[in-house]
Amino acid sequence: VQLQASGGGLVEAGGSLRLSCKVIGVNFRIYDMSWYRQAPGKERELVATITSGGTTNYADSVQGRFAISRDNVRRTLYLQMNSLVLEDTAVYYCKVGGLQAWGQGTQVTVSS
């Protein structure tokens, strides 16, 4: 499986970004999908999940600010991030179900 995350960058606090993750090599539509993030010096943490049926769940820290979605035709996972805060700074990774494949991730840096 290949995971091609993109869309990260430098943004001011309060701003927005939309991350994308193109998934290659698996039957995308049958898998639950997740976004994780890892900040410097911290463990990787779960940010949001979306099931194959479209049910979503979020970490408390991003609830109401982030929205996960998927396009099964394009085999792409998205993360719309609004009202960004400094604590959102991290490398963001997408994950396919329980598969141990992370890809290179995409860096999000929020400045004050």
N, C-alpha and C. Protein backbone atom coordinates (compact mmCIF):
# COMPACT_ATOMS: atom_id res chain seq x y z
N VAL A 1 0.84 -1.18 0.00
CA VAL A 1 0.00 0.00 0.00
C VAL A 1 0.88 1.24 0.00
N GLN A 2 0.45 2.26 -0.77
CA GLN A 2 1.14 3.55 -0.79
C GLN A 2 0.19 4.63 -0.31
N LEU A 3 0.71 5.49 0.55
CA LEU A 3 -0.07 6.59 1.13
C LEU A 3 0.62 7.89 0.78
N GLN A 4 -0.05 8.75 0.02
CA GLN A 4 0.55 10.00 -0.45
C GLN A 4 -0.19 11.18 0.19
N ALA A 5 0.32 11.61 1.33
CA ALA A 5 -0.30 12.73 2.04
C ALA A 5 0.23 14.05 1.51
N SER A 6 -0.65 15.04 1.45
CA SER A 6 -0.26 16.37 0.96
C SER A 6 -1.19 17.42 1.56
N GLY A 7 -0.85 18.68 1.33
CA GLY A 7 -1.71 19.77 1.76
C GLY A 7 -1.24 20.51 2.99
N GLY A 8 -0.19 20.03 3.63
CA GLY A 8 0.32 20.71 4.80
C GLY A 8 1.01 22.01 4.44
N GLY A 9 1.42 22.75 5.46
CA GLY A 9 2.12 24.00 5.23
C GLY A 9 2.19 24.83 6.49
N LEU A 10 2.57 26.09 6.30
CA LEU A 10 2.67 27.06 7.39
C LEU A 10 1.42 27.94 7.36
N VAL A 11 0.75 28.05 8.49
CA VAL A 11 -0.47 28.84 8.56
C VAL A 11 -0.52 29.56 9.90
N GLU A 12 -1.12 30.73 9.92
CA GLU A 12 -1.27 31.47 11.16
C GLU A 12 -2.39 30.87 12.01
N ALA A 13 -2.27 31.04 13.29
CA ALA A 13 -3.33 30.59 14.20
C ALA A 13 -4.66 31.19 13.77
N GLY A 14 -5.69 30.34 13.80
CA GLY A 14 -7.00 30.75 13.34
C GLY A 14 -7.28 30.43 11.89
N GLY A 15 -6.24 30.04 11.17
CA GLY A 15 -6.38 29.74 9.76
C GLY A 15 -6.85 28.32 9.50
N SER A 16 -6.86 27.97 8.23
CA SER A 16 -7.37 26.67 7.80
C SER A 16 -6.42 26.01 6.81
N LEU A 17 -6.48 24.68 6.80
CA LEU A 17 -5.78 23.88 5.81
C LEU A 17 -6.64 22.67 5.49
N ARG A 18 -6.44 22.14 4.29
CA ARG A 18 -7.12 20.90 3.90
C ARG A 18 -6.06 19.88 3.48
N LEU A 19 -5.99 18.80 4.22
CA LEU A 19 -5.05 17.73 3.91
C LEU A 19 -5.72 16.69 3.02
N SER A 20 -4.90 16.07 2.18
CA SER A 20 -5.37 14.98 1.33
C SER A 20 -4.44 13.79 1.48
N CYS A 21 -4.97 12.62 1.28
CA CYS A 21 -4.15 11.41 1.30
C CYS A 21 -4.65 10.47 0.21
N LYS A 22 -3.83 10.31 -0.80
CA LYS A 22 -4.15 9.40 -1.90
C LYS A 22 -3.67 8.01 -1.50
N VAL A 23 -4.55 7.03 -1.65
CA VAL A 23 -4.24 5.67 -1.24
C VAL A 23 -4.16 4.79 -2.48
N ILE A 24 -3.07 4.08 -2.60
CA ILE A 24 -2.83 3.22 -3.76
C ILE A 24 -2.49 1.82 -3.28
N GLY A 25 -3.08 0.82 -3.96
CA GLY A 25 -2.67 -0.54 -3.71
C GLY A 25 -3.61 -1.38 -2.86
N VAL A 26 -4.71 -0.78 -2.38
CA VAL A 26 -5.71 -1.53 -1.62
C VAL A 26 -7.10 -1.12 -2.10
N ASN A 27 -8.08 -1.95 -1.74
CA ASN A 27 -9.46 -1.62 -2.07
C ASN A 27 -9.96 -0.57 -1.08
N PHE A 28 -9.72 0.68 -1.40
CA PHE A 28 -9.93 1.80 -0.49
C PHE A 28 -11.31 1.78 0.15
N ARG A 29 -12.34 1.52 -0.62
CA ARG A 29 -13.70 1.71 -0.14
C ARG A 29 -14.10 0.78 1.00
N ILE A 30 -13.40 -0.32 1.19
CA ILE A 30 -13.82 -1.27 2.23
C ILE A 30 -13.16 -1.00 3.58
N TYR A 31 -12.19 -0.08 3.60
CA TYR A 31 -11.44 0.16 4.82
C TYR A 31 -11.93 1.37 5.61
N ASP A 32 -11.92 1.24 6.93
CA ASP A 32 -11.98 2.42 7.78
C ASP A 32 -10.67 3.18 7.60
N MET A 33 -10.74 4.50 7.68
CA MET A 33 -9.55 5.33 7.45
C MET A 33 -9.36 6.28 8.62
N SER A 34 -8.10 6.64 8.86
CA SER A 34 -7.81 7.52 10.00
C SER A 34 -6.74 8.54 9.64
N TRP A 35 -6.77 9.63 10.36
CA TRP A 35 -5.68 10.60 10.38
C TRP A 35 -5.03 10.55 11.78
N TYR A 36 -3.73 10.50 11.80
CA TYR A 36 -2.94 10.59 13.01
C TYR A 36 -2.02 11.80 12.88
N ARG A 37 -1.45 12.21 14.00
CA ARG A 37 -0.44 13.26 13.98
C ARG A 37 0.60 13.00 15.04
N GLN A 38 1.79 13.52 14.77
CA GLN A 38 2.89 13.39 15.73
C GLN A 38 3.61 14.72 15.84
N ALA A 39 3.54 15.29 17.02
CA ALA A 39 4.24 16.54 17.29
C ALA A 39 5.64 16.24 17.78
N PRO A 40 6.55 17.19 17.66
CA PRO A 40 7.93 16.96 18.11
C PRO A 40 7.98 16.55 19.57
N GLY A 41 8.68 15.45 19.83
CA GLY A 41 8.84 14.99 21.21
C GLY A 41 7.65 14.29 21.80
N LYS A 42 6.61 14.07 20.99
CA LYS A 42 5.40 13.43 21.50
C LYS A 42 5.09 12.16 20.71
N GLU A 43 4.25 11.33 21.30
CA GLU A 43 3.84 10.12 20.62
C GLU A 43 2.79 10.43 19.56
N ARG A 44 2.72 9.55 18.58
CA ARG A 44 1.71 9.70 17.55
C ARG A 44 0.32 9.53 18.16
N GLU A 45 -0.61 10.38 17.77
CA GLU A 45 -1.94 10.32 18.34
C GLU A 45 -3.01 10.30 17.25
N LEU A 46 -4.12 9.65 17.57
CA LEU A 46 -5.24 9.57 16.65
C LEU A 46 -5.99 10.90 16.64
N VAL A 47 -6.26 11.40 15.44
CA VAL A 47 -6.96 12.67 15.29
C VAL A 47 -8.42 12.45 14.91
N ALA A 48 -8.64 11.62 13.89
CA ALA A 48 -10.01 11.41 13.39
C ALA A 48 -10.09 10.11 12.63
N THR A 49 -11.27 9.53 12.63
CA THR A 49 -11.51 8.31 11.86
C THR A 49 -12.80 8.44 11.07
N ILE A 50 -12.86 7.70 9.97
CA ILE A 50 -14.08 7.60 9.20
C ILE A 50 -14.21 6.15 8.76
N THR A 51 -15.36 5.55 9.04
CA THR A 51 -15.55 4.16 8.68
C THR A 51 -15.84 4.02 7.19
N SER A 52 -15.86 2.80 6.73
CA SER A 52 -16.19 2.55 5.33
C SER A 52 -17.60 3.05 5.01
N GLY A 53 -18.45 3.10 6.02
CA GLY A 53 -19.82 3.57 5.83
C GLY A 53 -20.00 5.06 6.04
N GLY A 54 -18.92 5.74 6.42
CA GLY A 54 -18.98 7.19 6.55
C GLY A 54 -19.18 7.74 7.95
N THR A 55 -19.19 6.89 8.95
CA THR A 55 -19.31 7.36 10.33
C THR A 55 -17.98 7.95 10.78
N THR A 56 -18.04 9.11 11.42
CA THR A 56 -16.82 9.82 11.81
C THR A 56 -16.70 9.92 13.33
N ASN A 57 -15.44 9.98 13.77
CA ASN A 57 -15.13 10.21 15.18
C ASN A 57 -13.90 11.08 15.26
N TYR A 58 -13.83 11.89 16.34
CA TYR A 58 -12.74 12.85 16.47
C TYR A 58 -12.16 12.83 17.88
N ALA A 59 -10.89 13.15 17.95
CA ALA A 59 -10.28 13.39 19.25
C ALA A 59 -10.92 14.64 19.85
N ASP A 60 -10.98 14.66 21.17
CA ASP A 60 -11.61 15.81 21.85
C ASP A 60 -10.94 17.12 21.46
N SER A 61 -9.63 17.07 21.24
CA SER A 61 -8.86 18.29 20.98
C SER A 61 -9.20 18.93 19.64
N VAL A 62 -9.81 18.18 18.72
CA VAL A 62 -10.11 18.73 17.39
C VAL A 62 -11.60 18.74 17.09
N GLN A 63 -12.39 18.18 17.98
CA GLN A 63 -13.85 18.13 17.77
C GLN A 63 -14.40 19.53 17.51
N GLY A 64 -15.18 19.64 16.46
CA GLY A 64 -15.78 20.93 16.12
C GLY A 64 -14.91 21.82 15.26
N ARG A 65 -13.64 21.46 15.10
CA ARG A 65 -12.72 22.26 14.28
C ARG A 65 -12.28 21.52 13.03
N PHE A 66 -12.14 20.21 13.11
CA PHE A 66 -11.66 19.38 12.00
C PHE A 66 -12.82 18.56 11.44
N ALA A 67 -12.72 18.23 10.15
CA ALA A 67 -13.71 17.37 9.51
C ALA A 67 -13.01 16.38 8.60
N ILE A 68 -13.24 15.10 8.84
CA ILE A 68 -12.66 14.05 8.01
C ILE A 68 -13.69 13.63 6.98
N SER A 69 -13.22 13.35 5.78
CA SER A 69 -14.12 12.89 4.72
C SER A 69 -13.34 12.00 3.76
N ARG A 70 -14.07 11.34 2.88
CA ARG A 70 -13.42 10.44 1.94
C ARG A 70 -14.13 10.47 0.59
N ASP A 71 -13.35 10.21 -0.44
CA ASP A 71 -13.89 10.09 -1.79
C ASP A 71 -13.47 8.71 -2.30
N ASN A 72 -14.39 7.78 -2.30
CA ASN A 72 -14.05 6.41 -2.67
C ASN A 72 -13.72 6.28 -4.16
N VAL A 73 -14.25 7.15 -4.97
CA VAL A 73 -13.93 7.10 -6.40
C VAL A 73 -12.48 7.53 -6.62
N ARG A 74 -12.09 8.59 -5.97
CA ARG A 74 -10.71 9.09 -6.10
C ARG A 74 -9.74 8.39 -5.16
N ARG A 75 -10.26 7.49 -4.30
CA ARG A 75 -9.41 6.78 -3.33
C ARG A 75 -8.61 7.76 -2.48
N THR A 76 -9.27 8.79 -2.05
CA THR A 76 -8.59 9.86 -1.33
C THR A 76 -9.32 10.16 -0.02
N LEU A 77 -8.51 10.36 1.01
CA LEU A 77 -8.99 10.76 2.33
C LEU A 77 -8.66 12.22 2.53
N TYR A 78 -9.55 12.95 3.20
CA TYR A 78 -9.35 14.38 3.43
C TYR A 78 -9.45 14.71 4.92
N LEU A 79 -8.81 15.81 5.28
CA LEU A 79 -8.98 16.37 6.62
C LEU A 79 -9.05 17.88 6.48
N GLN A 80 -10.23 18.44 6.68
CA GLN A 80 -10.40 19.89 6.69
C GLN A 80 -10.13 20.38 8.10
N MET A 81 -9.17 21.27 8.23
CA MET A 81 -8.76 21.76 9.55
C MET A 81 -9.03 23.26 9.63
N ASN A 82 -9.90 23.66 10.53
CA ASN A 82 -10.25 25.06 10.72
C ASN A 82 -9.86 25.53 12.12
N SER A 83 -9.82 26.82 12.30
CA SER A 83 -9.50 27.41 13.61
C SER A 83 -8.25 26.78 14.21
N LEU A 84 -7.21 26.71 13.40
CA LEU A 84 -5.98 26.04 13.85
C LEU A 84 -5.34 26.78 15.01
N VAL A 85 -4.77 25.99 15.91
CA VAL A 85 -4.06 26.52 17.08
C VAL A 85 -2.65 25.98 17.07
N LEU A 86 -1.79 26.61 17.88
CA LEU A 86 -0.37 26.23 17.90
C LEU A 86 -0.19 24.74 18.18
N GLU A 87 -1.07 24.19 19.02
CA GLU A 87 -0.96 22.78 19.41
C GLU A 87 -1.28 21.81 18.28
N ASP A 88 -1.78 22.32 17.16
CA ASP A 88 -2.04 21.46 16.00
C ASP A 88 -0.78 21.22 15.17
N THR A 89 0.30 21.90 15.50
CA THR A 89 1.56 21.72 14.78
C THR A 89 2.05 20.28 14.94
N ALA A 90 2.24 19.60 13.81
CA ALA A 90 2.64 18.19 13.83
C ALA A 90 2.81 17.71 12.40
N VAL A 91 3.35 16.51 12.29
CA VAL A 91 3.30 15.80 11.01
C VAL A 91 2.04 14.95 11.02
N TYR A 92 1.25 15.07 9.97
CA TYR A 92 -0.02 14.38 9.88
C TYR A 92 0.12 13.19 8.92
N TYR A 93 -0.42 12.06 9.37
CA TYR A 93 -0.34 10.82 8.60
C TYR A 93 -1.74 10.24 8.42
N CYS A 94 -1.95 9.61 7.28
CA CYS A 94 -3.19 8.85 7.12
C CYS A 94 -2.88 7.37 7.31
N LYS A 95 -3.91 6.62 7.65
CA LYS A 95 -3.74 5.20 7.94
C LYS A 95 -4.92 4.42 7.39
N VAL A 96 -4.61 3.28 6.82
CA VAL A 96 -5.63 2.40 6.24
C VAL A 96 -5.97 1.30 7.23
N GLY A 97 -7.14 1.32 7.79
CA GLY A 97 -7.60 0.28 8.69
C GLY A 97 -6.54 -0.06 9.73
N GLY A 98 -6.25 -1.36 9.85
CA GLY A 98 -5.24 -1.81 10.78
C GLY A 98 -3.89 -2.07 10.14
N LEU A 99 -3.73 -1.64 8.88
CA LEU A 99 -2.48 -1.88 8.18
C LEU A 99 -1.37 -1.02 8.77
N GLN A 100 -0.19 -1.61 8.90
CA GLN A 100 0.96 -0.89 9.45
C GLN A 100 1.74 -0.23 8.31
N ALA A 101 1.15 0.79 7.73
CA ALA A 101 1.79 1.56 6.67
C ALA A 101 1.45 3.02 6.91
N TRP A 102 2.47 3.89 6.95
CA TRP A 102 2.24 5.27 7.35
C TRP A 102 2.54 6.29 6.25
N GLY A 103 3.35 6.00 5.32
CA GLY A 103 3.72 7.01 4.33
C GLY A 103 4.60 8.07 4.95
N GLN A 104 4.85 9.13 4.18
CA GLN A 104 5.80 10.16 4.62
C GLN A 104 5.14 11.24 5.46
N GLY A 105 3.83 11.30 5.47
CA GLY A 105 3.13 12.33 6.21
C GLY A 105 3.25 13.70 5.56
N THR A 106 2.55 14.67 6.15
CA THR A 106 2.63 16.05 5.67
C THR A 106 2.71 16.97 6.87
N GLN A 107 3.65 17.91 6.82
CA GLN A 107 3.92 18.80 7.95
C GLN A 107 2.92 19.95 8.01
N VAL A 108 2.35 20.15 9.19
CA VAL A 108 1.49 21.30 9.46
C VAL A 108 2.15 22.11 10.56
N THR A 109 2.39 23.38 10.28
CA THR A 109 2.99 24.27 11.25
C THR A 109 2.08 25.48 11.44
N VAL A 110 1.65 25.69 12.68
CA VAL A 110 0.77 26.82 13.01
C VAL A 110 1.59 27.86 13.76
N SER A 111 1.58 29.07 13.26
CA SER A 111 2.36 30.14 13.88
C SER A 111 1.43 31.13 14.59
N SER A 112 2.01 31.82 15.57
CA SER A 112 1.21 32.79 16.34
C SER A 112 1.20 34.14 15.66
